[in-house]
Protein backbone atom coordinates (compact mmCIF):
# COMPACT_ATOMS: atom_id res chain seq x y z
CA UNK A 1 -39.56 65.46 -56.43
CA UNK A 2 -36.87 63.17 -55.08
CA UNK A 3 -34.85 63.80 -51.96
CA UNK A 4 -32.21 61.22 -51.14
CA UNK A 5 -33.97 57.86 -51.18
CA UNK A 6 -37.49 59.33 -51.03
CA UNK A 7 -39.96 60.37 -53.67
CA UNK A 8 -41.96 63.24 -52.16
CA UNK A 9 -45.52 64.00 -53.17
CA UNK A 10 -47.25 67.17 -52.02
CA UNK A 11 -50.97 67.80 -51.85
CA UNK A 12 -50.36 71.44 -52.82
CA UNK A 13 -48.74 70.30 -56.11
CA UNK A 14 -51.60 67.91 -56.90
CA UNK A 15 -49.10 65.08 -56.47
CA UNK A 16 -50.16 61.91 -58.25
CA UNK A 17 -48.68 58.53 -59.08
CA UNK A 18 -50.11 56.56 -62.00
CA UNK A 19 -49.02 52.96 -62.51
CA UNK A 20 -49.81 51.29 -65.83
CA UNK A 21 -49.48 47.76 -67.18
CA UNK A 22 -48.29 47.00 -70.69
CA UNK A 23 -50.67 45.35 -73.15
CA UNK A 24 -51.47 41.78 -72.19
CA UNK A 25 -51.06 42.37 -68.45
CA UNK A 26 -53.06 43.84 -65.59
CA UNK A 27 -51.90 45.20 -62.25
CA UNK A 28 -52.79 42.68 -59.60
CA UNK A 29 -51.61 44.50 -56.44
CA UNK A 30 -49.63 47.56 -55.38
CA UNK A 31 -47.86 48.15 -52.05
CA UNK A 32 -46.41 51.54 -51.05
CA UNK A 33 -43.99 52.04 -48.20
CA UNK A 34 -43.98 55.67 -47.09
CA UNK A 35 -43.66 58.20 -44.29
CA UNK A 36 -45.75 61.33 -44.08
CA UNK A 37 -45.69 64.93 -42.92
CA UNK A 38 -48.46 67.44 -42.15
CA UNK A 39 -51.08 64.69 -41.70
CA UNK A 40 -50.50 63.51 -45.29
CA UNK A 41 -52.15 60.36 -46.61
CA UNK A 42 -51.94 58.38 -49.83
CA UNK A 43 -55.34 57.98 -51.50
CA UNK A 44 -56.90 55.89 -54.25
CA UNK A 45 -60.01 57.89 -54.98
CA UNK A 46 -61.25 58.66 -51.47
CA UNK A 47 -59.83 55.47 -49.89
CA UNK A 48 -56.73 55.84 -47.73
CA UNK A 49 -53.87 53.48 -48.59
CA UNK A 50 -51.77 52.87 -45.49
CA UNK A 51 -48.03 52.39 -45.68
CA UNK A 52 -47.19 48.71 -46.10
CA UNK A 53 -50.76 47.71 -46.98
CA UNK A 54 -51.37 45.71 -50.16
CA UNK A 55 -53.91 47.39 -52.45
CA UNK A 56 -55.80 45.00 -54.73
CA UNK A 57 -56.12 46.64 -58.14
CA UNK A 58 -56.92 44.14 -60.95
CA UNK A 59 -56.91 46.84 -63.66
CA UNK A 60 -54.82 48.15 -66.56
CA UNK A 61 -53.84 51.27 -64.59
CA UNK A 62 -54.33 52.91 -61.20
CA UNK A 63 -53.78 56.45 -59.91
CA UNK A 64 -52.95 57.51 -56.36
CA UNK A 65 -53.06 61.05 -54.94
CA UNK A 66 -52.08 62.85 -51.74
CA UNK A 67 -54.56 64.19 -49.19
CA UNK A 68 -54.51 64.98 -45.49
CA UNK A 69 -56.31 63.82 -42.38
CA UNK A 70 -56.33 67.17 -40.60
CA UNK A 71 -54.54 70.41 -39.90
CA UNK A 72 -54.11 73.44 -42.10
CA UNK A 73 -50.85 72.60 -43.86
CA UNK A 74 -50.71 70.71 -47.13
CA UNK A 75 -50.27 66.95 -46.70
CA UNK A 76 -47.02 65.35 -47.81
CA UNK A 77 -46.13 61.70 -48.49
CA UNK A 78 -42.51 60.51 -48.64
CA UNK A 79 -42.45 57.26 -50.66
CA UNK A 80 -39.49 54.96 -50.04
CA UNK A 81 -40.68 51.88 -52.00
CA UNK A 82 -43.37 50.78 -54.46
CA UNK A 83 -44.02 47.08 -55.12
CA UNK A 84 -46.22 46.21 -58.11
CA UNK A 85 -47.39 42.70 -58.99
CA UNK A 86 -48.54 42.21 -62.58
CA UNK A 87 -50.61 39.35 -63.97
CA UNK A 88 -50.79 38.08 -67.57
CA UNK A 89 -54.26 38.29 -69.11
């Protein structure tokens, strides 16, 4: 859900973000800017995507989920920006 200028994703709600490219394009890179609570992390598969890091995708679509690095509470990620670079096929 959104809260102010943040888009909040919760591990307990199976929070996911899927980014897709229209026909004729692929996603080149994705960069998330986010804060976290309860040891939350943004994941692509099992790989942690750090805030501000550029993730090389080169695919038609990509899905990110929320996990946690420790503790007993459900991880939370508070996204403040998503930058997607597309490339024509």
